[in-house]
Amino acid sequence: MNDPATILDILQSPGTVAVVGLSPKAWRASFEIAMYLQHHGWKVLPINPNADRILGEQVYPTLAEAAKAHPAIDVVNVFRNSEDVPPVADEAIAIGAKALWLQLGIAHDVAAQKAEAAGLQVVQNRCIKTEIARARARGQL
């Protein structure tokens, strides 16, 4: 987990990212980071059971629902409390996501280890926006 090579591997190929806990409120970190991802070539799938559209995108109540419409989800980016991570990790495994990214301040070692054992790349307690900016500054992206 959090291996620099793994982080770079995830970031080098912008694909589809499901953002679990994406808020429709523009002042929230999840909104800002999802918008940043959009501007850097990622297809953002908002996951929020209490919204219809965020950042111009259809919102899905669960990862499973998003995966029905978009079967190739590359990264599951999580903006939920650490204790809420295990079912999200289980769903990420079930839909065949390639990576599980737990945002800054979010970690759950047991769920992360389970996801890794299932073949997912895992990053915990890191901001994807910050990691993209770092990689870009180093000329890696």
N, C-alpha and C. Protein backbone atom coordinates (compact mmCIF):
# COMPACT_ATOMS: atom_id res chain seq x y z
N MET A 1 0.83 -1.19 0.00
CA MET A 1 0.00 0.00 0.00
C MET A 1 0.87 1.25 0.00
N ASN A 2 0.35 2.26 -0.68
CA ASN A 2 0.99 3.57 -0.75
C ASN A 2 2.38 3.52 -1.37
N ASP A 3 2.68 2.47 -2.10
CA ASP A 3 3.95 2.37 -2.79
C ASP A 3 3.99 3.44 -3.88
N PRO A 4 5.07 4.24 -3.96
CA PRO A 4 5.13 5.29 -4.98
C PRO A 4 4.92 4.76 -6.41
N ALA A 5 5.42 3.59 -6.69
CA ALA A 5 5.23 3.01 -8.03
C ALA A 5 3.76 2.69 -8.28
N THR A 6 3.06 2.22 -7.26
CA THR A 6 1.63 1.92 -7.38
C THR A 6 0.85 3.21 -7.62
N ILE A 7 1.16 4.24 -6.85
CA ILE A 7 0.48 5.52 -7.01
C ILE A 7 0.67 6.05 -8.43
N LEU A 8 1.90 6.03 -8.90
CA LEU A 8 2.18 6.51 -10.25
C LEU A 8 1.47 5.66 -11.30
N ASP A 9 1.44 4.35 -11.10
CA ASP A 9 0.76 3.47 -12.04
C ASP A 9 -0.72 3.81 -12.15
N ILE A 10 -1.35 4.07 -11.02
CA ILE A 10 -2.78 4.43 -11.01
C ILE A 10 -2.99 5.75 -11.75
N LEU A 11 -2.12 6.70 -11.52
CA LEU A 11 -2.30 8.05 -12.05
C LEU A 11 -1.90 8.21 -13.52
N GLN A 12 -1.06 7.34 -14.03
CA GLN A 12 -0.55 7.51 -15.39
C GLN A 12 -1.58 7.28 -16.48
N SER A 13 -2.62 6.59 -16.19
CA SER A 13 -3.64 6.31 -17.21
C SER A 13 -5.00 6.77 -16.72
N PRO A 14 -5.30 8.07 -16.87
CA PRO A 14 -6.62 8.53 -16.44
C PRO A 14 -7.71 7.72 -17.12
N GLY A 15 -8.61 7.21 -16.31
CA GLY A 15 -9.70 6.39 -16.82
C GLY A 15 -10.99 6.79 -16.15
N THR A 16 -11.70 5.81 -15.68
CA THR A 16 -12.98 6.05 -15.01
C THR A 16 -12.78 5.92 -13.51
N VAL A 17 -13.20 6.95 -12.79
CA VAL A 17 -13.08 6.97 -11.34
C VAL A 17 -14.47 7.14 -10.74
N ALA A 18 -14.85 6.22 -9.88
CA ALA A 18 -16.10 6.32 -9.13
C ALA A 18 -15.76 7.01 -7.81
N VAL A 19 -16.38 8.14 -7.56
CA VAL A 19 -16.09 8.92 -6.36
C VAL A 19 -17.21 8.68 -5.35
N VAL A 20 -16.91 7.84 -4.37
CA VAL A 20 -17.89 7.45 -3.35
C VAL A 20 -17.95 8.55 -2.28
N GLY A 21 -19.14 9.11 -2.11
CA GLY A 21 -19.30 10.19 -1.15
C GLY A 21 -19.10 11.56 -1.77
N LEU A 22 -19.21 11.65 -3.10
CA LEU A 22 -19.06 12.93 -3.78
C LEU A 22 -20.23 13.84 -3.43
N SER A 23 -19.90 15.00 -2.91
CA SER A 23 -20.92 15.96 -2.49
C SER A 23 -21.29 16.90 -3.63
N PRO A 24 -22.56 17.30 -3.71
CA PRO A 24 -22.95 18.29 -4.71
C PRO A 24 -22.59 19.72 -4.28
N LYS A 25 -22.05 19.87 -3.08
CA LYS A 25 -21.70 21.20 -2.55
C LYS A 25 -20.29 21.57 -3.01
N ALA A 26 -20.20 22.69 -3.74
CA ALA A 26 -18.95 23.10 -4.38
C ALA A 26 -17.83 23.38 -3.38
N TRP A 27 -18.13 23.69 -2.15
CA TRP A 27 -17.09 24.00 -1.16
C TRP A 27 -16.50 22.75 -0.49
N ARG A 28 -17.05 21.60 -0.77
CA ARG A 28 -16.55 20.36 -0.17
C ARG A 28 -15.34 19.84 -0.93
N ALA A 29 -14.42 19.22 -0.22
CA ALA A 29 -13.20 18.69 -0.84
C ALA A 29 -13.53 17.67 -1.93
N SER A 30 -14.53 16.84 -1.71
CA SER A 30 -14.86 15.82 -2.71
C SER A 30 -15.25 16.46 -4.04
N PHE A 31 -16.00 17.54 -4.00
CA PHE A 31 -16.42 18.24 -5.21
C PHE A 31 -15.20 18.84 -5.92
N GLU A 32 -14.37 19.53 -5.16
CA GLU A 32 -13.18 20.16 -5.74
C GLU A 32 -12.26 19.13 -6.39
N ILE A 33 -12.04 18.03 -5.71
CA ILE A 33 -11.13 17.01 -6.22
C ILE A 33 -11.73 16.30 -7.43
N ALA A 34 -13.02 16.02 -7.41
CA ALA A 34 -13.67 15.40 -8.57
C ALA A 34 -13.60 16.32 -9.78
N MET A 35 -13.81 17.61 -9.57
CA MET A 35 -13.71 18.56 -10.67
C MET A 35 -12.28 18.59 -11.22
N TYR A 36 -11.30 18.55 -10.34
CA TYR A 36 -9.89 18.51 -10.75
C TYR A 36 -9.63 17.25 -11.59
N LEU A 37 -10.15 16.12 -11.15
CA LEU A 37 -9.98 14.88 -11.91
C LEU A 37 -10.59 15.00 -13.30
N GLN A 38 -11.79 15.58 -13.38
CA GLN A 38 -12.42 15.79 -14.68
C GLN A 38 -11.52 16.62 -15.60
N HIS A 39 -10.95 17.68 -15.05
CA HIS A 39 -10.10 18.57 -15.83
C HIS A 39 -8.78 17.93 -16.23
N HIS A 40 -8.45 16.80 -15.62
CA HIS A 40 -7.21 16.10 -15.95
C HIS A 40 -7.48 14.77 -16.66
N GLY A 41 -8.63 14.69 -17.32
CA GLY A 41 -8.89 13.57 -18.21
C GLY A 41 -9.61 12.37 -17.64
N TRP A 42 -10.02 12.42 -16.39
CA TRP A 42 -10.73 11.31 -15.78
C TRP A 42 -12.23 11.41 -16.06
N LYS A 43 -12.88 10.28 -16.28
CA LYS A 43 -14.34 10.20 -16.34
C LYS A 43 -14.81 9.97 -14.91
N VAL A 44 -15.54 10.92 -14.35
CA VAL A 44 -15.98 10.86 -12.96
C VAL A 44 -17.40 10.31 -12.87
N LEU A 45 -17.56 9.28 -12.04
CA LEU A 45 -18.88 8.71 -11.74
C LEU A 45 -19.20 9.03 -10.29
N PRO A 46 -20.09 9.99 -10.04
CA PRO A 46 -20.46 10.32 -8.67
C PRO A 46 -21.28 9.19 -8.03
N ILE A 47 -20.91 8.84 -6.80
CA ILE A 47 -21.67 7.85 -6.03
C ILE A 47 -22.21 8.56 -4.79
N ASN A 48 -23.53 8.75 -4.77
CA ASN A 48 -24.17 9.46 -3.67
C ASN A 48 -25.67 9.14 -3.76
N PRO A 49 -26.22 8.47 -2.76
CA PRO A 49 -27.64 8.09 -2.83
C PRO A 49 -28.61 9.27 -2.70
N ASN A 50 -28.08 10.48 -2.42
CA ASN A 50 -28.95 11.62 -2.17
C ASN A 50 -28.85 12.74 -3.21
N ALA A 51 -28.37 12.42 -4.41
CA ALA A 51 -28.24 13.45 -5.44
C ALA A 51 -28.59 12.84 -6.81
N ASP A 52 -28.86 13.70 -7.78
CA ASP A 52 -29.20 13.25 -9.13
C ASP A 52 -28.07 13.51 -10.13
N ARG A 53 -27.51 14.74 -10.09
CA ARG A 53 -26.41 15.12 -10.99
C ARG A 53 -25.41 15.93 -10.19
N ILE A 54 -24.14 15.62 -10.43
CA ILE A 54 -23.05 16.39 -9.83
C ILE A 54 -22.00 16.58 -10.91
N LEU A 55 -21.52 17.80 -11.05
CA LEU A 55 -20.51 18.13 -12.06
C LEU A 55 -20.94 17.71 -13.46
N GLY A 56 -22.24 17.80 -13.71
CA GLY A 56 -22.77 17.45 -15.01
C GLY A 56 -22.89 15.96 -15.28
N GLU A 57 -22.63 15.16 -14.28
CA GLU A 57 -22.63 13.70 -14.44
C GLU A 57 -23.82 13.08 -13.72
N GLN A 58 -24.34 11.99 -14.29
CA GLN A 58 -25.36 11.18 -13.64
C GLN A 58 -24.80 10.64 -12.34
N VAL A 59 -25.56 10.71 -11.28
CA VAL A 59 -25.14 10.19 -9.98
C VAL A 59 -25.75 8.81 -9.78
N TYR A 60 -24.97 7.92 -9.18
CA TYR A 60 -25.42 6.57 -8.90
C TYR A 60 -25.49 6.37 -7.38
N PRO A 61 -26.50 5.63 -6.91
CA PRO A 61 -26.63 5.44 -5.46
C PRO A 61 -25.57 4.50 -4.88
N THR A 62 -25.04 3.58 -5.71
CA THR A 62 -24.05 2.61 -5.24
C THR A 62 -23.04 2.34 -6.35
N LEU A 63 -21.93 1.75 -5.96
CA LEU A 63 -20.94 1.33 -6.95
C LEU A 63 -21.53 0.28 -7.89
N ALA A 64 -22.32 -0.62 -7.34
CA ALA A 64 -22.92 -1.67 -8.17
C ALA A 64 -23.78 -1.07 -9.27
N GLU A 65 -24.57 -0.05 -8.95
CA GLU A 65 -25.40 0.61 -9.97
C GLU A 65 -24.54 1.31 -11.01
N ALA A 66 -23.46 1.95 -10.57
CA ALA A 66 -22.55 2.62 -11.50
C ALA A 66 -21.91 1.61 -12.44
N ALA A 67 -21.54 0.46 -11.90
CA ALA A 67 -20.87 -0.57 -12.69
C ALA A 67 -21.80 -1.17 -13.75
N LYS A 68 -23.10 -1.15 -13.51
CA LYS A 68 -24.04 -1.64 -14.53
C LYS A 68 -23.99 -0.76 -15.77
N ALA A 69 -23.84 0.55 -15.56
CA ALA A 69 -23.79 1.49 -16.68
C ALA A 69 -22.38 1.68 -17.23
N HIS A 70 -21.39 1.47 -16.38
CA HIS A 70 -19.98 1.67 -16.74
C HIS A 70 -19.18 0.48 -16.21
N PRO A 71 -19.13 -0.61 -16.94
CA PRO A 71 -18.51 -1.83 -16.41
C PRO A 71 -17.01 -1.75 -16.17
N ALA A 72 -16.33 -0.77 -16.75
CA ALA A 72 -14.88 -0.69 -16.55
C ALA A 72 -14.54 0.49 -15.64
N ILE A 73 -14.67 0.28 -14.34
CA ILE A 73 -14.31 1.31 -13.36
C ILE A 73 -12.87 1.04 -12.93
N ASP A 74 -12.02 2.02 -13.19
CA ASP A 74 -10.60 1.85 -12.90
C ASP A 74 -10.29 2.09 -11.42
N VAL A 75 -10.78 3.20 -10.88
CA VAL A 75 -10.45 3.59 -9.51
C VAL A 75 -11.72 3.89 -8.74
N VAL A 76 -11.79 3.38 -7.52
CA VAL A 76 -12.84 3.76 -6.58
C VAL A 76 -12.17 4.69 -5.57
N ASN A 77 -12.54 5.97 -5.63
CA ASN A 77 -11.97 7.02 -4.79
C ASN A 77 -12.97 7.30 -3.67
N VAL A 78 -12.53 7.15 -2.42
CA VAL A 78 -13.46 7.16 -1.29
C VAL A 78 -13.35 8.41 -0.43
N PHE A 79 -14.49 9.07 -0.26
CA PHE A 79 -14.67 10.20 0.65
C PHE A 79 -15.72 9.83 1.69
N ARG A 80 -15.41 8.86 2.50
CA ARG A 80 -16.31 8.41 3.56
C ARG A 80 -15.48 8.25 4.82
N ASN A 81 -16.12 8.12 5.95
CA ASN A 81 -15.40 7.88 7.19
C ASN A 81 -14.70 6.52 7.12
N SER A 82 -13.59 6.42 7.83
CA SER A 82 -12.80 5.19 7.80
C SER A 82 -13.64 3.96 8.16
N GLU A 83 -14.53 4.10 9.12
CA GLU A 83 -15.33 2.95 9.53
C GLU A 83 -16.34 2.52 8.46
N ASP A 84 -16.58 3.37 7.48
CA ASP A 84 -17.50 3.04 6.39
C ASP A 84 -16.80 2.38 5.20
N VAL A 85 -15.49 2.19 5.28
CA VAL A 85 -14.71 1.67 4.15
C VAL A 85 -14.96 0.20 3.84
N PRO A 86 -15.10 -0.72 4.83
CA PRO A 86 -15.23 -2.14 4.48
C PRO A 86 -16.30 -2.47 3.44
N PRO A 87 -17.53 -1.98 3.56
CA PRO A 87 -18.49 -2.34 2.50
C PRO A 87 -18.15 -1.72 1.15
N VAL A 88 -17.51 -0.55 1.15
CA VAL A 88 -17.09 0.08 -0.10
C VAL A 88 -16.00 -0.78 -0.75
N ALA A 89 -15.05 -1.24 0.06
CA ALA A 89 -13.99 -2.11 -0.45
C ALA A 89 -14.58 -3.40 -1.02
N ASP A 90 -15.54 -3.97 -0.31
CA ASP A 90 -16.20 -5.19 -0.80
C ASP A 90 -16.87 -4.95 -2.15
N GLU A 91 -17.52 -3.80 -2.28
CA GLU A 91 -18.20 -3.48 -3.54
C GLU A 91 -17.18 -3.24 -4.65
N ALA A 92 -16.07 -2.58 -4.31
CA ALA A 92 -15.02 -2.34 -5.30
C ALA A 92 -14.47 -3.67 -5.82
N ILE A 93 -14.30 -4.62 -4.93
CA ILE A 93 -13.85 -5.95 -5.32
C ILE A 93 -14.90 -6.61 -6.22
N ALA A 94 -16.16 -6.54 -5.80
CA ALA A 94 -17.25 -7.20 -6.53
C ALA A 94 -17.42 -6.66 -7.95
N ILE A 95 -17.18 -5.37 -8.15
CA ILE A 95 -17.38 -4.80 -9.49
C ILE A 95 -16.12 -4.93 -10.36
N GLY A 96 -15.04 -5.43 -9.77
CA GLY A 96 -13.81 -5.62 -10.55
C GLY A 96 -13.00 -4.36 -10.78
N ALA A 97 -13.09 -3.41 -9.84
CA ALA A 97 -12.28 -2.20 -9.95
C ALA A 97 -10.80 -2.56 -9.92
N LYS A 98 -10.00 -1.72 -10.52
CA LYS A 98 -8.56 -1.96 -10.54
C LYS A 98 -7.86 -1.42 -9.30
N ALA A 99 -8.42 -0.34 -8.72
CA ALA A 99 -7.77 0.30 -7.58
C ALA A 99 -8.79 0.85 -6.60
N LEU A 100 -8.38 0.89 -5.34
CA LEU A 100 -9.15 1.48 -4.25
C LEU A 100 -8.29 2.60 -3.67
N TRP A 101 -8.80 3.84 -3.73
CA TRP A 101 -8.04 4.99 -3.24
C TRP A 101 -8.82 5.62 -2.10
N LEU A 102 -8.25 5.60 -0.90
CA LEU A 102 -8.87 6.22 0.27
C LEU A 102 -8.23 7.59 0.47
N GLN A 103 -9.04 8.61 0.41
CA GLN A 103 -8.56 9.99 0.46
C GLN A 103 -7.85 10.31 1.78
N LEU A 104 -7.22 11.47 1.81
CA LEU A 104 -6.48 11.93 2.98
C LEU A 104 -7.35 11.86 4.24
N GLY A 105 -6.82 11.25 5.27
CA GLY A 105 -7.54 11.10 6.53
C GLY A 105 -8.38 9.84 6.61
N ILE A 106 -8.38 9.05 5.55
CA ILE A 106 -9.21 7.83 5.51
C ILE A 106 -8.30 6.61 5.38
N ALA A 107 -8.44 5.68 6.31
CA ALA A 107 -7.66 4.44 6.27
C ALA A 107 -8.43 3.34 6.97
N HIS A 108 -8.27 2.14 6.46
CA HIS A 108 -8.85 0.96 7.09
C HIS A 108 -8.00 -0.23 6.66
N ASP A 109 -7.05 -0.61 7.51
CA ASP A 109 -6.06 -1.62 7.13
C ASP A 109 -6.67 -2.97 6.75
N VAL A 110 -7.68 -3.41 7.46
CA VAL A 110 -8.29 -4.71 7.17
C VAL A 110 -8.95 -4.68 5.79
N ALA A 111 -9.73 -3.65 5.52
CA ALA A 111 -10.39 -3.54 4.21
C ALA A 111 -9.36 -3.37 3.10
N ALA A 112 -8.32 -2.60 3.36
CA ALA A 112 -7.28 -2.39 2.36
C ALA A 112 -6.55 -3.69 2.05
N GLN A 113 -6.25 -4.46 3.08
CA GLN A 113 -5.57 -5.74 2.86
C GLN A 113 -6.47 -6.71 2.10
N LYS A 114 -7.76 -6.70 2.39
CA LYS A 114 -8.70 -7.55 1.67
C LYS A 114 -8.75 -7.16 0.20
N ALA A 115 -8.77 -5.86 -0.08
CA ALA A 115 -8.79 -5.40 -1.46
C ALA A 115 -7.50 -5.77 -2.19
N GLU A 116 -6.38 -5.61 -1.52
CA GLU A 116 -5.10 -6.00 -2.12
C GLU A 116 -5.06 -7.50 -2.41
N ALA A 117 -5.55 -8.30 -1.46
CA ALA A 117 -5.57 -9.75 -1.65
C ALA A 117 -6.45 -10.14 -2.84
N ALA A 118 -7.44 -9.30 -3.14
CA ALA A 118 -8.33 -9.56 -4.28
C ALA A 118 -7.75 -9.02 -5.58
N GLY A 119 -6.57 -8.42 -5.51
CA GLY A 119 -5.89 -7.95 -6.71
C GLY A 119 -6.00 -6.47 -7.02
N LEU A 120 -6.63 -5.71 -6.13
CA LEU A 120 -6.73 -4.27 -6.36
C LEU A 120 -5.46 -3.57 -5.89
N GLN A 121 -5.10 -2.50 -6.58
CA GLN A 121 -4.06 -1.62 -6.07
C GLN A 121 -4.73 -0.76 -5.01
N VAL A 122 -4.02 -0.49 -3.90
CA VAL A 122 -4.64 0.24 -2.80
C VAL A 122 -3.74 1.40 -2.35
N VAL A 123 -4.40 2.55 -2.16
CA VAL A 123 -3.74 3.72 -1.59
C VAL A 123 -4.63 4.21 -0.45
N GLN A 124 -4.01 4.49 0.69
CA GLN A 124 -4.75 4.97 1.86
C GLN A 124 -4.20 6.31 2.31
N ASN A 125 -5.08 7.14 2.87
CA ASN A 125 -4.67 8.36 3.54
C ASN A 125 -3.82 9.27 2.64
N ARG A 126 -4.19 9.35 1.37
CA ARG A 126 -3.50 10.22 0.41
C ARG A 126 -4.53 10.93 -0.44
N CYS A 127 -4.24 12.17 -0.78
CA CYS A 127 -5.11 12.94 -1.65
C CYS A 127 -4.71 12.71 -3.10
N ILE A 128 -5.63 12.23 -3.90
CA ILE A 128 -5.34 11.94 -5.31
C ILE A 128 -4.96 13.22 -6.07
N LYS A 129 -5.58 14.34 -5.73
CA LYS A 129 -5.26 15.61 -6.37
C LYS A 129 -3.82 16.00 -6.07
N THR A 130 -3.42 15.89 -4.83
CA THR A 130 -2.05 16.23 -4.44
C THR A 130 -1.05 15.31 -5.12
N GLU A 131 -1.38 14.02 -5.21
CA GLU A 131 -0.46 13.07 -5.84
C GLU A 131 -0.34 13.33 -7.34
N ILE A 132 -1.42 13.75 -7.99
CA ILE A 132 -1.34 14.11 -9.41
C ILE A 132 -0.44 15.33 -9.57
N ALA A 133 -0.66 16.34 -8.73
CA ALA A 133 0.16 17.56 -8.81
C ALA A 133 1.64 17.26 -8.59
N ARG A 134 1.94 16.40 -7.62
CA ARG A 134 3.34 16.01 -7.36
C ARG A 134 3.95 15.32 -8.56
N ALA A 135 3.22 14.37 -9.12
CA ALA A 135 3.73 13.63 -10.28
C ALA A 135 3.92 14.56 -11.48
N ARG A 136 3.01 15.49 -11.66
CA ARG A 136 3.14 16.45 -12.76
C ARG A 136 4.35 17.34 -12.53
N ALA A 137 4.59 17.77 -11.31
CA ALA A 137 5.73 18.64 -11.00
C ALA A 137 7.06 17.91 -11.25
N ARG A 138 7.07 16.60 -11.07
CA ARG A 138 8.27 15.79 -11.29
C ARG A 138 8.40 15.35 -12.75
N GLY A 139 7.43 15.74 -13.58
CA GLY A 139 7.46 15.38 -14.98
C GLY A 139 7.09 13.93 -15.24
N GLN A 140 6.38 13.30 -14.29
CA GLN A 140 6.00 11.90 -14.44
C GLN A 140 4.64 11.72 -15.12
N LEU A 141 3.91 12.81 -15.23
CA LEU A 141 2.59 12.78 -15.89
C LEU A 141 2.54 13.85 -16.96
